[in-house]
Protein backbone atom coordinates (compact mmCIF):
# COMPACT_ATOMS: atom_id res chain seq x y z
CA MET A 1 88.93 90.47 104.93
CA THR A 2 92.27 88.53 104.35
CA LYS A 3 94.66 90.30 102.97
CA PRO A 4 96.08 89.28 99.73
CA LEU A 5 99.55 87.37 99.70
CA MET A 6 101.39 89.84 97.55
CA THR A 7 100.08 93.39 97.18
CA ARG A 8 103.73 94.70 95.67
CA ILE A 9 105.61 92.59 93.10
CA LEU A 10 109.46 93.65 91.69
CA LEU A 11 109.93 92.64 88.29
CA ALA A 12 114.01 92.80 87.43
CA THR A 13 113.99 92.92 83.89
CA ASP A 14 117.31 92.68 81.48
CA PHE A 15 114.96 92.74 78.45
CA SER A 16 115.41 88.99 77.58
CA ASP A 17 113.48 86.08 76.51
CA GLY A 18 113.88 85.01 79.95
CA ALA A 19 112.99 88.22 81.21
CA ALA A 20 109.90 88.14 78.97
CA CYS A 21 108.78 84.62 80.29
CA ALA A 22 109.31 86.38 83.95
CA GLN A 23 106.89 89.08 82.88
CA ASP A 24 104.34 86.65 82.50
CA TYR A 25 104.78 85.27 85.54
CA ALA A 26 104.60 88.53 87.30
CA ILE A 27 101.54 89.49 85.43
CA TYR A 28 99.62 86.56 86.17
CA LEU A 29 100.39 87.06 90.07
CA ALA A 30 99.82 90.95 90.03
CA SER A 31 96.77 90.16 88.08
CA HIS A 32 95.21 87.15 90.57
CA TRP A 33 95.93 89.50 93.68
CA GLY A 34 95.60 92.47 92.86
CA ALA A 35 98.99 93.66 93.17
CA THR A 36 100.88 96.49 92.01
CA LEU A 37 103.54 95.51 89.62
CA GLU A 38 107.03 97.43 89.80
CA VAL A 39 109.73 97.17 86.93
CA LEU A 40 113.39 97.57 87.56
CA HIS A 41 116.07 97.47 84.87
CA VAL A 42 119.50 98.22 86.63
CA ILE A 43 122.47 98.89 83.77
CA GLU A 44 125.23 97.67 85.30
CA THR A 45 128.12 100.40 85.33
CA PRO A 46 131.90 100.19 85.25
CA HIS A 47 133.52 99.96 88.89
CA ARG A 48 133.51 103.54 88.91
CA SER A 49 131.01 105.90 90.61
CA SER A 50 127.53 106.32 88.91
CA ALA A 51 128.12 109.62 88.40
CA GLU A 52 131.13 109.11 86.26
CA ALA A 53 129.61 106.29 84.53
CA GLU A 54 126.42 108.04 83.55
CA SER A 55 129.12 110.63 81.65
CA LEU A 56 130.59 108.11 79.23
CA ALA A 57 128.41 108.39 75.75
CA ALA A 58 128.36 104.70 75.54
CA VAL A 59 126.37 104.59 78.97
CA VAL A 60 124.22 107.28 78.18
CA GLN A 61 123.54 105.58 74.77
CA VAL A 62 122.28 102.19 76.52
CA ARG A 63 120.17 104.38 78.86
CA ALA A 64 118.31 106.13 76.19
CA GLU A 65 117.64 102.78 74.63
CA ALA A 66 116.96 101.11 77.76
CA ALA A 67 114.59 103.76 79.09
CA ARG A 68 112.63 102.94 75.47
CA GLN A 69 112.44 99.39 76.32
CA LEU A 70 111.45 99.90 79.73
CA GLU A 71 108.34 102.30 78.47
CA GLN A 72 107.46 99.28 75.81
CA VAL A 73 107.21 96.91 78.52
CA ARG A 74 104.88 99.41 80.67
CA ASP A 75 102.61 100.42 77.95
CA ASP A 76 102.78 96.21 77.16
CA LEU A 77 101.54 95.80 80.96
CA VAL A 78 98.95 98.49 81.15
CA ARG A 79 97.37 97.31 77.93
CA ARG A 80 96.97 93.89 79.99
CA GLY A 81 95.39 95.93 83.29
CA VAL A 82 98.35 95.73 85.41
CA SER A 83 98.77 98.37 87.70
CA VAL A 84 102.52 99.06 86.57
CA LYS A 85 105.56 101.39 87.96
CA VAL A 86 108.82 101.41 86.00
CA ARG A 87 112.07 102.59 87.34
CA LEU A 88 115.70 102.58 85.38
CA VAL A 89 119.05 102.82 87.72
CA LEU A 90 122.86 102.59 87.26
CA GLY A 91 124.88 100.37 89.12
CA ASN A 92 125.07 97.27 90.45
CA PRO A 93 122.17 95.06 89.68
CA ALA A 94 121.77 92.52 92.60
CA GLU A 95 121.97 95.74 95.07
CA HIS A 96 119.61 97.96 93.19
CA ILE A 97 117.20 94.59 92.98
CA GLY A 98 117.85 94.62 96.97
CA LEU A 99 117.51 97.92 97.52
CA ALA A 100 114.34 98.26 95.46
CA ALA A 101 112.79 95.50 97.04
CA LYS A 102 113.29 96.38 100.64
CA ASP A 103 112.52 100.23 99.82
CA LYS A 104 109.19 99.39 98.24
CA GLY A 105 108.02 96.36 100.43
CA ALA A 106 107.81 93.88 97.74
CA GLU A 107 106.57 90.76 98.91
CA LEU A 108 108.01 89.11 95.81
CA VAL A 109 110.68 89.51 93.38
CA VAL A 110 110.50 87.75 89.91
CA LEU A 111 113.47 87.26 87.55
CA GLY A 112 114.29 85.36 84.45
CA VAL A 113 117.11 82.62 83.67
CA GLN A 114 118.49 82.02 80.51
CA GLY A 115 119.27 79.48 78.11
CA ARG A 116 117.60 75.98 77.91
CA THR A 117 119.80 74.79 81.02
CA ASN A 118 119.18 77.44 82.93
CA LEU A 119 123.00 78.05 83.69
CA LEU A 120 122.30 81.28 85.41
CA TYR A 121 124.12 83.80 83.10
CA GLY A 122 123.18 87.06 82.43
CA LEU A 123 120.87 88.70 85.19
CA ILE A 124 120.75 85.77 86.75
CA GLY A 125 124.26 84.48 87.76
CA SER A 126 125.69 86.04 90.47
CA THR A 127 123.00 88.78 90.50
CA ALA A 128 120.32 86.04 91.07
CA GLU A 129 122.59 84.00 93.83
CA ARG A 130 122.92 87.25 95.54
CA VAL A 131 118.86 88.38 95.24
CA VAL A 132 118.04 84.84 96.50
CA THR A 133 120.54 84.76 99.24
CA GLU A 134 120.57 88.41 100.47
CA GLY A 135 116.73 89.82 99.64
CA PRO A 136 114.26 90.67 101.85
CA CYS A 137 111.37 88.65 100.63
CA PRO A 138 110.73 85.48 98.50
CA VAL A 139 112.58 85.35 94.84
CA LEU A 140 110.53 83.51 91.95
CA ALA A 141 113.18 82.55 88.72
CA VAL A 142 111.54 81.68 85.81
CA PRO A 143 113.10 79.90 83.01
CA GLY A 144 113.23 80.86 79.53
CA LEU A 145 111.26 78.56 77.11
CA ARG A 146 112.61 76.24 75.30
CA GLU A 147 112.72 76.76 71.33
CA GLU A 148 110.36 74.66 69.86
CA ALA A 149 108.26 74.95 66.25
CA GLY A 150 105.22 76.90 67.29
CA ARG A 151 105.97 77.95 70.35
CA PRO A 152 105.95 81.18 71.86
CA SER A 153 109.34 82.64 72.88
CA ALA A 154 108.38 86.21 74.57
CA ALA A 155 105.94 87.74 76.95
CA GLY A 156 102.29 87.32 76.26
CA ARG A 157 101.57 83.77 76.67
CA GLN A 158 99.23 82.57 79.07
CA VAL A 159 100.65 80.79 82.30
CA HIS A 160 98.90 79.00 84.99
CA ILE A 161 99.95 77.53 88.36
CA ARG A 162 97.74 74.22 89.04
CA HIS A 163 100.48 72.09 90.94
CA ILE A 164 102.86 73.21 93.45
CA LEU A 165 105.79 70.25 94.54
CA ALA A 166 107.20 71.79 97.86
CA PRO A 167 110.37 69.66 98.72
CA LEU A 168 111.34 69.94 102.62
CA ASP A 169 113.57 68.35 105.07
CA PHE A 170 111.80 69.80 107.93
CA SER A 171 114.64 72.77 108.75
CA SER A 172 113.04 75.95 109.57
CA PRO A 173 113.54 77.40 106.48
CA SER A 174 111.53 74.30 104.39
CA LEU A 175 108.84 74.80 106.79
CA ASP A 176 108.36 77.84 105.75
CA ALA A 177 108.37 77.41 102.35
CA VAL A 178 105.96 74.99 102.84
CA GLU A 179 103.93 77.71 104.82
CA TYR A 180 104.51 79.95 101.71
CA ALA A 181 103.37 77.28 98.85
CA ILE A 182 99.95 76.60 101.06
CA GLN A 183 99.12 80.15 101.25
CA LEU A 184 99.97 80.54 97.42
CA ALA A 185 97.97 77.17 96.74
CA ASN A 186 94.95 78.29 98.48
CA GLY A 187 95.16 81.58 96.38
CA LEU A 188 95.35 80.16 93.32
CA GLY A 189 93.66 76.80 93.45
CA ALA A 190 96.29 74.67 93.12
CA THR A 191 97.34 71.31 94.49
CA VAL A 192 100.54 70.41 96.85
CA THR A 193 102.94 67.93 96.50
CA LEU A 194 104.81 67.70 99.84
CA MET A 195 108.33 65.56 99.17
CA HIS A 196 111.26 64.61 101.30
CA VAL A 197 114.21 63.11 100.16
CA LEU A 198 116.21 60.52 102.23
CA GLU A 199 120.08 60.92 100.92
CA PRO A 200 122.05 57.66 100.51
CA VAL A 201 124.43 57.23 103.71
CA CYS A 202 126.04 53.58 102.27
CA TYR A 203 127.56 53.19 98.60
CA ASP A 204 129.05 49.95 98.99
CA LEU A 205 127.66 46.35 98.70
CA ASP A 206 128.88 45.78 102.71
CA CYS A 207 125.95 47.76 104.52
CA GLY A 208 125.47 45.92 107.49
CA LEU A 209 121.84 44.72 108.19
CA GLY A 210 121.93 47.56 111.45
CA VAL A 211 122.07 50.56 108.34
CA VAL A 212 119.13 48.72 106.42
CA GLU A 213 117.38 48.92 109.32
CA GLN A 214 118.14 52.31 110.39
CA GLU A 215 116.93 53.58 106.82
CA ALA A 216 113.71 51.80 107.46
CA ARG A 217 113.14 53.45 110.45
CA LYS A 218 114.34 57.08 109.23
CA ARG A 219 112.08 56.39 106.26
CA ASP A 220 108.52 55.59 108.59
CA HIS A 221 109.55 58.45 111.08
CA TRP A 222 109.42 61.00 107.90
CA ASN A 223 106.34 59.21 106.50
CA ARG A 224 104.91 59.86 109.58
CA GLN A 225 105.67 63.23 109.43
CA LEU A 226 104.48 64.05 106.27
CA SER A 227 101.33 62.29 106.82
CA GLU A 228 100.57 64.66 109.53
CA LEU A 229 101.99 67.65 107.42
CA GLN A 230 99.46 66.43 105.18
CA THR A 231 96.43 66.42 107.20
CA LEU A 232 97.30 69.76 108.08
CA VAL A 233 97.05 70.85 105.04
CA THR A 234 94.22 69.06 103.56
CA SER A 235 91.90 70.31 106.47
CA PHE A 236 92.83 73.92 105.21
CA GLY A 237 90.70 73.08 102.46
CA LEU A 238 93.46 72.26 99.92
CA ALA A 239 94.46 68.99 97.77
CA ALA A 240 97.94 67.34 98.93
CA ASP A 241 99.58 64.54 98.62
CA VAL A 242 102.75 62.97 99.85
CA GLU A 243 106.23 61.66 98.51
CA ILE A 244 109.27 60.14 99.79
CA SER A 245 111.92 59.71 97.85
CA GLY A 246 115.84 58.29 97.81
CA GLY A 247 118.77 59.58 96.43
CA ILE A 248 120.60 62.94 95.65
CA ALA A 249 118.07 65.31 96.78
CA SER A 250 118.58 67.92 93.94
CA ASP A 251 117.77 65.11 91.18
CA ALA A 252 115.15 63.71 93.11
CA ILE A 253 113.61 66.77 93.43
CA LEU A 254 113.75 67.62 89.50
CA ALA A 255 112.61 64.04 88.81
CA SER A 256 109.79 64.59 90.75
CA ALA A 257 108.59 67.97 89.44
CA LEU A 258 108.62 66.27 85.92
CA ARG A 259 107.25 63.51 86.90
CA HIS A 260 104.46 65.48 88.51
CA ARG A 261 104.40 68.48 85.40
CA SER A 262 104.85 70.96 88.43
CA ASP A 263 104.16 74.33 87.30
CA LEU A 264 106.01 75.25 90.38
CA ILE A 265 109.13 74.44 93.04
CA VAL A 266 108.79 76.28 96.12
CA MET A 267 111.66 75.59 98.49
CA GLY A 268 113.64 77.34 101.31
CA THR A 269 117.32 78.51 100.54
CA HIS A 270 118.72 76.79 103.21
CA GLY A 271 118.30 73.29 105.35
CA ARG A 272 119.66 71.60 108.35
CA ARG A 273 119.91 68.03 106.90
CA GLY A 274 121.98 67.06 103.96
CA VAL A 275 122.44 70.49 102.21
CA SER A 276 126.04 71.58 101.60
CA ALA A 277 127.05 75.07 103.35
CA GLN A 278 128.67 76.02 99.79
CA ARG A 279 127.68 79.40 98.71
CA PHE A 280 123.85 79.36 99.20
CA GLY A 281 122.94 75.44 99.43
CA SER A 282 123.81 72.93 96.46
CA VAL A 283 120.63 71.95 96.49
CA SER A 284 119.05 75.03 96.12
CA GLU A 285 121.40 75.98 93.57
CA ALA A 286 121.39 72.62 91.67
CA VAL A 287 117.77 73.06 91.16
CA LEU A 288 117.64 76.74 89.81
CA ARG A 289 119.78 75.91 87.53
CA LEU A 290 118.13 72.68 86.02
CA ALA A 291 114.24 73.16 86.58
CA THR A 292 112.39 73.31 83.76
CA CYS A 293 109.53 75.28 85.53
CA PRO A 294 109.84 78.28 87.65
CA VAL A 295 111.55 77.90 91.27
CA LEU A 296 110.24 80.18 94.13
CA THR A 297 112.82 80.51 96.77
CA VAL A 298 111.68 81.28 100.53
CA LYS A 299 113.95 83.17 103.01
CA THR A 300 112.27 85.40 104.45
CA PRO A 301 108.07 85.36 104.19
CA LYS A 302 106.40 87.97 104.56
CA PHE A 303 102.55 87.26 105.69
CA ALA A 304 100.05 89.59 106.78
CA ALA A 305 99.44 90.65 110.25
CA GLY A 306 97.51 88.23 112.60
CA HIS A 307 98.24 85.35 110.21
CA ARG A 308 97.67 81.93 111.20
CA ARG A 309 100.13 79.55 110.11
CA VAL A 310 99.28 75.64 109.06
CA VAL A 311 102.68 74.39 109.95
CA PRO A 312 102.35 74.23 113.90
CA GLN A 313 105.04 75.33 115.98
CA ALA A 314 105.35 71.46 117.58
CA MET A 315 106.56 71.03 114.51
CA ARG A 316 109.29 73.34 114.33
CA GLU A 317 110.43 72.34 117.71
CA THR A 318 110.71 68.75 116.80
CA GLU A 319 113.53 70.24 114.02
CA ILE A 320 114.56 72.82 116.21
CA LYS A 321 115.36 69.97 119.08
CA GLY A 322 117.35 67.74 116.13
CA ALA A 323 114.62 64.78 117.18
CA GLN A 324 115.60 61.72 115.07
CA PRO A 325 113.81 58.35 114.67
């Protein structure tokens, strides 16, 4: 019997509308794979020991209110048929989310992003950035809903994942993300679009014919790579298409997600080609900030023992050797 892709999911909540949206996706995935859902709320304490902070009357009051809200979340999840555990701690949110994911053996962390443009404030700010870069498992960041008349803004809506956009630059992290996207799509019955972005190398009108030919060769090379990967994915029994785009990577990814009406973007947190070394990567950061659909970042995917990869080692070796067209 094939082991489920995920058996333990950690939902980090701050009880905001963004967290409520994340809760819906956590329920969707937990219900689909029969996973246990652990809900964690971290009360951020001042820069002093937890013992000192807990003695403060204000923190005690906040803790009591948080405990009440956490019980409401638990009751709602139980009513919706999810196996759930709740946990309330004081301290640094990023540290405790990472520790809880590691201690509980979570295969996925789910958290919410705030606001129309997902500016990574509140829980998602430096907390999410640290969870994405330092966490022991993939992280699903879910944007809050836009405020539209007649549209629900809190937990309880029905969600689905029917189309997954998987951008890749053929680096090892991006191929790990594609492997994860394939397994996710296989379990959910979703279609996959494999996307590669050719970043611009010339910005003036004096580009010579050699540069144009070089770009054409690059496009042909990556088209062949994508076609090979598409064949592997379809032979696995999934519907998949490929797309090569040009321009700024994050802009191209976001535009493609809108064009395909993607329900999810799955991408690696670090890439070899065209990704800035600033913080956790400008491409991932921009997509996380501006995407209107959930973004699942993959750094250390967890697969069942004996898992047979769809992405072959030969393709990964091509990346490692730095093969160019």
